[in-house]
């Protein structure tokens, strides 16, 4: 009887902890990591989704853009920040070389799945998943085989998604092998 009571208590505590402190996507094991200046991009491909973790030494926003055409133009941009302890991650599209807009404002959808994040000791981490092909007009399909291009960036401390970046880089990447090459 004592063991049954202890088990019930354990189950109740575990349930409370999972509600109060959910395990976010950052706890997942990622297959590959790209190290950039004070930033890391980790990812895994799992069937028809990509799971991404962005970490940067900033109290501002962090972002990744998939398959940009020219600077930001044409990129499927995911940008996120932790504001007042709450994570906010948005799905944007590069409308011009130096401008992006929320997919929702363009008539699309925010296709970010499993958004999570935290900001600890001046380091911002966001985690999310995306369908490899959301079928959204404002999202580029992510091709898991072969070489693709990404851009990564982080802001200088402002959580405003309109604030300029402190760092940006462009990389050729192979999502399956983890091979990366800095372009800019």
Foldseek 3Di string as FASTA:
>chain_A
DVVVVVVVVVVVVVVVCCVVPPDAPVVDDFDAWDDDVQKIWTWHDDPQKIKIKIKGQEQAKKKKWWFADAQQAATFMWMWHQDPNRIDIFTWHRNDNPDIDGLVVVVWDGQWARWDWGADPRMTMIITMGGQCPVTPRHDRNDQADKTKMKIFTCHYHHDPPGDTPDMWMWIARNNPNDIDTDD
